[in-house]
Amino acid sequence: MSNIAPTFEAGRIEAAAPSTSRRIVDDYEAWVDEVTPAFVAAADTGQPFTICEIATTKHLPDPPHPKSQWGSLPARLQDAGLIRHHGYGPSARCRKSLVYVWIGVPIRLRELVAARRREERAARRAARADERRAA
């Protein structure tokens, strides 16, 4: 369904062309592999950024299910030790909502941060398993 109103002239129907949308990659893992270098480059600058800023400026493709899968990318980048939460900022699409602002982890600390996140996840899994056994 298009929100573009057609014009009717002399028996012809003409409508303005819809704006071009971003390309959608069919395979989620292939999409992650394609967009990760752009976020690594952004993290290497040491400047704060939002996911939407990088996606827009670098003309990155959308994942197979854009509404739900863009949100999982920052978690993957955090798990890899590439980025960390820096604060909140206005959304590029809607200035009335706040989004996370990210900043890169220094290169020399990335493996240390990734290892710590793996240990924290393992500890949370073990705690949940203990709770289930106790219940």
N, C-alpha and C. Protein backbone atom coordinates (compact mmCIF):
# COMPACT_ATOMS: atom_id res chain seq x y z
N MET A 1 0.84 -1.17 0.00
CA MET A 1 0.00 0.00 0.00
C MET A 1 0.88 1.23 0.00
N SER A 2 0.71 2.07 -0.97
CA SER A 2 1.52 3.27 -1.10
C SER A 2 0.77 4.48 -0.57
N ASN A 3 1.49 5.38 0.06
CA ASN A 3 0.89 6.62 0.54
C ASN A 3 1.00 7.73 -0.49
N ILE A 4 1.41 7.41 -1.68
CA ILE A 4 1.58 8.41 -2.73
C ILE A 4 0.28 8.51 -3.51
N ALA A 5 -0.25 9.72 -3.60
CA ALA A 5 -1.51 9.92 -4.30
C ALA A 5 -1.25 10.04 -5.80
N PRO A 6 -1.89 9.23 -6.61
CA PRO A 6 -1.67 9.32 -8.05
C PRO A 6 -2.39 10.54 -8.63
N THR A 7 -1.89 10.99 -9.77
CA THR A 7 -2.57 12.06 -10.50
C THR A 7 -3.21 11.45 -11.73
N PHE A 8 -4.37 11.97 -12.10
CA PHE A 8 -5.11 11.45 -13.24
C PHE A 8 -5.12 12.52 -14.34
N GLU A 9 -4.49 12.20 -15.46
CA GLU A 9 -4.47 13.14 -16.59
C GLU A 9 -4.70 12.39 -17.87
N ALA A 10 -5.68 12.83 -18.62
CA ALA A 10 -5.96 12.32 -19.97
C ALA A 10 -5.93 10.80 -20.03
N GLY A 11 -6.55 10.15 -19.06
CA GLY A 11 -6.64 8.70 -19.11
C GLY A 11 -5.41 7.97 -18.62
N ARG A 12 -4.36 8.69 -18.23
CA ARG A 12 -3.15 8.05 -17.70
C ARG A 12 -3.10 8.24 -16.20
N ILE A 13 -2.64 7.24 -15.53
CA ILE A 13 -2.45 7.35 -14.08
C ILE A 13 -0.96 7.46 -13.84
N GLU A 14 -0.57 8.52 -13.17
CA GLU A 14 0.84 8.71 -12.85
C GLU A 14 0.98 8.94 -11.36
N ALA A 15 1.98 8.35 -10.81
CA ALA A 15 2.28 8.54 -9.39
C ALA A 15 3.77 8.76 -9.24
N ALA A 16 4.12 9.54 -8.26
CA ALA A 16 5.54 9.76 -8.01
C ALA A 16 6.19 8.45 -7.60
N ALA A 17 7.43 8.29 -7.95
CA ALA A 17 8.14 7.07 -7.59
C ALA A 17 8.36 7.03 -6.09
N PRO A 18 8.14 5.88 -5.46
CA PRO A 18 8.39 5.79 -4.03
C PRO A 18 9.89 5.91 -3.76
N SER A 19 10.21 6.35 -2.56
CA SER A 19 11.62 6.49 -2.22
C SER A 19 12.27 5.11 -2.21
N THR A 20 13.52 5.07 -2.55
CA THR A 20 14.22 3.79 -2.58
C THR A 20 14.45 3.32 -1.15
N SER A 21 14.19 2.07 -0.91
CA SER A 21 14.43 1.52 0.41
C SER A 21 15.76 0.77 0.39
N ARG A 22 16.25 0.49 1.58
CA ARG A 22 17.52 -0.21 1.65
C ARG A 22 17.36 -1.65 1.23
N ARG A 23 18.43 -2.19 0.71
CA ARG A 23 18.45 -3.59 0.29
C ARG A 23 18.28 -4.47 1.52
N ILE A 24 17.60 -5.59 1.36
CA ILE A 24 17.39 -6.56 2.45
C ILE A 24 18.17 -7.82 2.12
N VAL A 25 19.01 -8.25 3.05
CA VAL A 25 19.79 -9.47 2.89
C VAL A 25 18.95 -10.64 3.38
N ASP A 26 18.94 -11.74 2.62
CA ASP A 26 18.09 -12.88 2.95
C ASP A 26 18.59 -13.73 4.11
N ASP A 27 19.90 -13.82 4.29
CA ASP A 27 20.48 -14.68 5.32
C ASP A 27 21.01 -13.81 6.47
N TYR A 28 20.54 -14.07 7.68
CA TYR A 28 20.92 -13.26 8.82
C TYR A 28 22.43 -13.28 9.07
N GLU A 29 23.03 -14.46 9.08
CA GLU A 29 24.47 -14.55 9.34
C GLU A 29 25.29 -13.84 8.26
N ALA A 30 24.86 -13.93 7.00
CA ALA A 30 25.54 -13.21 5.92
C ALA A 30 25.40 -11.71 6.13
N TRP A 31 24.24 -11.27 6.62
CA TRP A 31 24.03 -9.86 6.90
C TRP A 31 24.96 -9.38 8.01
N VAL A 32 25.08 -10.17 9.08
CA VAL A 32 25.97 -9.80 10.19
C VAL A 32 27.40 -9.67 9.67
N ASP A 33 27.83 -10.63 8.84
CA ASP A 33 29.19 -10.58 8.29
C ASP A 33 29.39 -9.35 7.41
N GLU A 34 28.34 -8.92 6.71
CA GLU A 34 28.45 -7.78 5.80
C GLU A 34 28.50 -6.44 6.54
N VAL A 35 27.72 -6.30 7.62
CA VAL A 35 27.65 -5.00 8.30
C VAL A 35 28.66 -4.83 9.42
N THR A 36 29.21 -5.90 9.95
CA THR A 36 30.14 -5.80 11.07
C THR A 36 31.35 -4.93 10.78
N PRO A 37 31.99 -5.00 9.61
CA PRO A 37 33.15 -4.13 9.37
C PRO A 37 32.85 -2.63 9.50
N ALA A 38 31.66 -2.22 9.15
CA ALA A 38 31.30 -0.80 9.29
C ALA A 38 31.26 -0.40 10.77
N PHE A 39 30.78 -1.30 11.63
CA PHE A 39 30.71 -1.00 13.05
C PHE A 39 32.08 -1.13 13.72
N VAL A 40 32.93 -2.00 13.21
CA VAL A 40 34.30 -2.08 13.71
C VAL A 40 35.03 -0.77 13.39
N ALA A 41 34.84 -0.27 12.17
CA ALA A 41 35.46 1.00 11.79
C ALA A 41 34.94 2.14 12.66
N ALA A 42 33.65 2.14 12.96
CA ALA A 42 33.09 3.18 13.82
C ALA A 42 33.64 3.06 15.24
N ALA A 43 33.79 1.85 15.72
CA ALA A 43 34.34 1.63 17.07
C ALA A 43 35.80 2.08 17.13
N ASP A 44 36.54 1.87 16.06
CA ASP A 44 37.95 2.24 16.02
C ASP A 44 38.17 3.75 16.08
N THR A 45 37.17 4.54 15.70
CA THR A 45 37.33 6.00 15.74
C THR A 45 37.34 6.53 17.17
N GLY A 46 36.72 5.81 18.10
CA GLY A 46 36.66 6.28 19.48
C GLY A 46 35.58 7.33 19.71
N GLN A 47 34.77 7.60 18.70
CA GLN A 47 33.69 8.57 18.80
C GLN A 47 32.37 7.86 19.09
N PRO A 48 31.49 8.47 19.89
CA PRO A 48 30.18 7.87 20.14
C PRO A 48 29.34 7.81 18.86
N PHE A 49 28.50 6.79 18.77
CA PHE A 49 27.66 6.63 17.59
C PHE A 49 26.41 5.85 17.96
N THR A 50 25.40 5.94 17.10
CA THR A 50 24.21 5.11 17.23
C THR A 50 24.22 4.11 16.07
N ILE A 51 23.51 3.03 16.24
CA ILE A 51 23.43 2.01 15.20
C ILE A 51 22.81 2.61 13.94
N CYS A 52 21.77 3.41 14.12
CA CYS A 52 21.09 4.00 12.97
C CYS A 52 22.00 4.97 12.21
N GLU A 53 22.82 5.73 12.92
CA GLU A 53 23.75 6.66 12.26
C GLU A 53 24.68 5.91 11.31
N ILE A 54 25.27 4.84 11.80
CA ILE A 54 26.21 4.07 10.98
C ILE A 54 25.49 3.42 9.82
N ALA A 55 24.33 2.84 10.08
CA ALA A 55 23.57 2.18 9.02
C ALA A 55 23.19 3.17 7.92
N THR A 56 22.84 4.38 8.30
CA THR A 56 22.44 5.38 7.31
C THR A 56 23.63 5.95 6.55
N THR A 57 24.68 6.32 7.26
CA THR A 57 25.83 6.94 6.59
C THR A 57 26.59 5.95 5.71
N LYS A 58 26.64 4.70 6.11
CA LYS A 58 27.36 3.68 5.34
C LYS A 58 26.46 2.96 4.33
N HIS A 59 25.16 3.32 4.30
CA HIS A 59 24.20 2.70 3.38
C HIS A 59 24.19 1.18 3.53
N LEU A 60 24.08 0.74 4.79
CA LEU A 60 24.10 -0.69 5.08
C LEU A 60 22.74 -1.32 4.74
N PRO A 61 22.76 -2.58 4.33
CA PRO A 61 21.50 -3.27 4.03
C PRO A 61 20.75 -3.62 5.31
N ASP A 62 19.49 -3.94 5.15
CA ASP A 62 18.66 -4.38 6.27
C ASP A 62 18.76 -5.89 6.43
N PRO A 63 18.55 -6.40 7.66
CA PRO A 63 18.51 -7.86 7.87
C PRO A 63 17.21 -8.42 7.30
N PRO A 64 17.05 -9.74 7.28
CA PRO A 64 15.82 -10.34 6.75
C PRO A 64 14.55 -9.82 7.43
N HIS A 65 14.60 -9.57 8.73
CA HIS A 65 13.45 -9.05 9.48
C HIS A 65 13.90 -7.77 10.19
N PRO A 66 13.87 -6.64 9.50
CA PRO A 66 14.45 -5.41 10.05
C PRO A 66 13.85 -4.95 11.38
N LYS A 67 12.59 -5.14 11.60
CA LYS A 67 11.97 -4.63 12.83
C LYS A 67 12.50 -5.32 14.07
N SER A 68 12.93 -6.56 13.95
CA SER A 68 13.38 -7.28 15.14
C SER A 68 14.88 -7.57 15.14
N GLN A 69 15.53 -7.62 14.01
CA GLN A 69 16.90 -8.10 14.00
C GLN A 69 17.97 -7.01 14.11
N TRP A 70 17.64 -5.75 13.89
CA TRP A 70 18.63 -4.69 14.12
C TRP A 70 18.98 -4.65 15.60
N GLY A 71 18.05 -4.95 16.47
CA GLY A 71 18.29 -4.88 17.90
C GLY A 71 19.26 -5.92 18.43
N SER A 72 19.42 -7.03 17.72
CA SER A 72 20.34 -8.06 18.20
C SER A 72 21.79 -7.78 17.81
N LEU A 73 22.00 -6.89 16.87
CA LEU A 73 23.36 -6.60 16.42
C LEU A 73 24.23 -5.99 17.51
N PRO A 74 23.76 -4.98 18.26
CA PRO A 74 24.62 -4.44 19.31
C PRO A 74 25.03 -5.48 20.35
N ALA A 75 24.15 -6.41 20.67
CA ALA A 75 24.51 -7.46 21.63
C ALA A 75 25.65 -8.31 21.09
N ARG A 76 25.59 -8.62 19.80
CA ARG A 76 26.69 -9.39 19.20
C ARG A 76 28.00 -8.61 19.22
N LEU A 77 27.91 -7.31 18.93
CA LEU A 77 29.12 -6.48 18.93
C LEU A 77 29.67 -6.33 20.35
N GLN A 78 28.79 -6.26 21.34
CA GLN A 78 29.25 -6.21 22.73
C GLN A 78 29.90 -7.53 23.12
N ASP A 79 29.28 -8.64 22.73
CA ASP A 79 29.84 -9.95 23.06
C ASP A 79 31.21 -10.15 22.44
N ALA A 80 31.45 -9.53 21.29
CA ALA A 80 32.75 -9.61 20.64
C ALA A 80 33.75 -8.65 21.26
N GLY A 81 33.30 -7.82 22.20
CA GLY A 81 34.20 -6.87 22.86
C GLY A 81 34.49 -5.63 22.02
N LEU A 82 33.67 -5.36 21.02
CA LEU A 82 33.92 -4.23 20.11
C LEU A 82 33.36 -2.91 20.63
N ILE A 83 32.18 -2.94 21.25
CA ILE A 83 31.53 -1.71 21.69
C ILE A 83 31.05 -1.84 23.11
N ARG A 84 30.77 -0.69 23.72
CA ARG A 84 30.16 -0.66 25.04
C ARG A 84 29.15 0.48 25.07
N HIS A 85 28.21 0.41 26.01
CA HIS A 85 27.19 1.43 26.15
C HIS A 85 27.85 2.73 26.61
N HIS A 86 27.50 3.85 25.96
CA HIS A 86 28.09 5.14 26.29
C HIS A 86 27.06 6.10 26.88
N GLY A 87 25.82 5.97 26.48
CA GLY A 87 24.77 6.88 26.96
C GLY A 87 23.53 6.73 26.12
N TYR A 88 22.74 7.81 26.11
CA TYR A 88 21.50 7.82 25.33
C TYR A 88 21.50 9.07 24.46
N GLY A 89 20.83 8.97 23.34
CA GLY A 89 20.72 10.11 22.44
C GLY A 89 19.41 10.06 21.68
N PRO A 90 19.10 11.14 20.96
CA PRO A 90 17.83 11.15 20.22
C PRO A 90 17.88 10.20 19.03
N SER A 91 16.75 9.64 18.72
CA SER A 91 16.64 8.76 17.56
C SER A 91 16.76 9.60 16.30
N ALA A 92 17.43 9.07 15.30
CA ALA A 92 17.57 9.79 14.03
C ALA A 92 16.23 9.84 13.29
N ARG A 93 15.40 8.82 13.48
CA ARG A 93 14.12 8.77 12.79
C ARG A 93 13.04 9.55 13.51
N CYS A 94 13.06 9.52 14.82
CA CYS A 94 12.02 10.18 15.60
C CYS A 94 12.71 10.89 16.77
N ARG A 95 12.81 12.17 16.72
CA ARG A 95 13.56 12.93 17.74
C ARG A 95 12.94 12.86 19.13
N LYS A 96 11.76 12.26 19.27
CA LYS A 96 11.10 12.21 20.56
C LYS A 96 11.47 10.97 21.37
N SER A 97 12.21 10.05 20.79
CA SER A 97 12.57 8.84 21.53
C SER A 97 14.08 8.77 21.70
N LEU A 98 14.49 8.04 22.71
CA LEU A 98 15.92 7.89 23.00
C LEU A 98 16.40 6.52 22.53
N VAL A 99 17.62 6.49 22.07
CA VAL A 99 18.26 5.24 21.66
C VAL A 99 19.62 5.15 22.36
N TYR A 100 20.17 3.96 22.39
CA TYR A 100 21.50 3.79 22.97
C TYR A 100 22.54 4.46 22.09
N VAL A 101 23.52 5.05 22.76
CA VAL A 101 24.70 5.58 22.08
C VAL A 101 25.84 4.66 22.49
N TRP A 102 26.61 4.21 21.51
CA TRP A 102 27.69 3.25 21.73
C TRP A 102 29.02 3.93 21.50
N ILE A 103 30.07 3.35 22.05
CA ILE A 103 31.43 3.81 21.81
C ILE A 103 32.32 2.58 21.73
N GLY A 104 33.38 2.67 20.97
CA GLY A 104 34.26 1.52 20.79
C GLY A 104 35.11 1.23 22.01
N VAL A 105 35.35 -0.04 22.23
CA VAL A 105 36.28 -0.47 23.27
C VAL A 105 37.68 -0.37 22.66
N PRO A 106 38.66 0.17 23.41
CA PRO A 106 40.02 0.23 22.87
C PRO A 106 40.50 -1.14 22.38
N ILE A 107 41.21 -1.15 21.30
CA ILE A 107 41.62 -2.40 20.64
C ILE A 107 42.34 -3.33 21.60
N ARG A 108 43.21 -2.79 22.43
CA ARG A 108 44.00 -3.64 23.32
C ARG A 108 43.16 -4.32 24.40
N LEU A 109 41.93 -3.82 24.64
CA LEU A 109 41.07 -4.39 25.69
C LEU A 109 39.94 -5.27 25.16
N ARG A 110 39.81 -5.37 23.86
CA ARG A 110 38.66 -6.06 23.28
C ARG A 110 38.57 -7.53 23.66
N GLU A 111 39.66 -8.25 23.61
CA GLU A 111 39.61 -9.67 23.95
C GLU A 111 39.33 -9.86 25.43
N LEU A 112 39.85 -8.99 26.27
CA LEU A 112 39.60 -9.05 27.70
C LEU A 112 38.11 -8.81 27.99
N VAL A 113 37.51 -7.83 27.33
CA VAL A 113 36.09 -7.53 27.51
C VAL A 113 35.23 -8.69 27.00
N ALA A 114 35.59 -9.25 25.86
CA ALA A 114 34.84 -10.38 25.31
C ALA A 114 34.90 -11.58 26.25
N ALA A 115 36.06 -11.86 26.81
CA ALA A 115 36.21 -12.99 27.74
C ALA A 115 35.37 -12.75 29.00
N ARG A 116 35.36 -11.53 29.49
CA ARG A 116 34.57 -11.21 30.68
C ARG A 116 33.08 -11.39 30.41
N ARG A 117 32.61 -10.97 29.25
CA ARG A 117 31.19 -11.14 28.91
C ARG A 117 30.83 -12.62 28.79
N ARG A 118 31.74 -13.43 28.23
CA ARG A 118 31.48 -14.87 28.15
C ARG A 118 31.36 -15.47 29.54
N GLU A 119 32.25 -15.06 30.46
CA GLU A 119 32.20 -15.58 31.82
C GLU A 119 30.91 -15.15 32.53
N GLU A 120 30.49 -13.90 32.34
CA GLU A 120 29.26 -13.42 32.96
C GLU A 120 28.04 -14.20 32.44
N ARG A 121 28.00 -14.45 31.13
CA ARG A 121 26.88 -15.21 30.57
C ARG A 121 26.86 -16.63 31.11
N ALA A 122 28.04 -17.25 31.22
CA ALA A 122 28.12 -18.61 31.76
C ALA A 122 27.65 -18.64 33.21
N ALA A 123 28.02 -17.64 33.99
CA ALA A 123 27.60 -17.58 35.40
C ALA A 123 26.08 -17.40 35.50
N ARG A 124 25.49 -16.57 34.64
CA ARG A 124 24.04 -16.38 34.65
C ARG A 124 23.32 -17.67 34.26
N ARG A 125 23.86 -18.38 33.25
CA ARG A 125 23.25 -19.66 32.85
C ARG A 125 23.30 -20.66 33.99
N ALA A 126 24.44 -20.72 34.68
CA ALA A 126 24.58 -21.65 35.80
C ALA A 126 23.63 -21.28 36.93
N ALA A 127 23.46 -19.99 37.20
CA ALA A 127 22.54 -19.57 38.26
C ALA A 127 21.11 -19.93 37.91
N ARG A 128 20.72 -19.74 36.65
CA ARG A 128 19.36 -20.11 36.23
C ARG A 128 19.16 -21.61 36.33
N ALA A 129 20.16 -22.39 35.95
CA ALA A 129 20.05 -23.85 36.05
C ALA A 129 19.90 -24.28 37.51
N ASP A 130 20.65 -23.63 38.40
CA ASP A 130 20.53 -23.94 39.83
C ASP A 130 19.13 -23.61 40.35
N GLU A 131 18.57 -22.48 39.91
CA GLU A 131 17.22 -22.10 40.33
C GLU A 131 16.19 -23.11 39.85
N ARG A 132 16.35 -23.59 38.61
CA ARG A 132 15.42 -24.58 38.07
C ARG A 132 15.49 -25.89 38.84
N ARG A 133 16.72 -26.29 39.19
CA ARG A 133 16.87 -27.54 39.95
C ARG A 133 16.29 -27.42 41.34
N ALA A 134 16.41 -26.23 41.95
CA ALA A 134 15.89 -26.02 43.30
C ALA A 134 14.38 -25.96 43.32
N ALA A 135 13.79 -25.54 42.20
CA ALA A 135 12.32 -25.39 42.17
C ALA A 135 11.59 -26.70 41.97
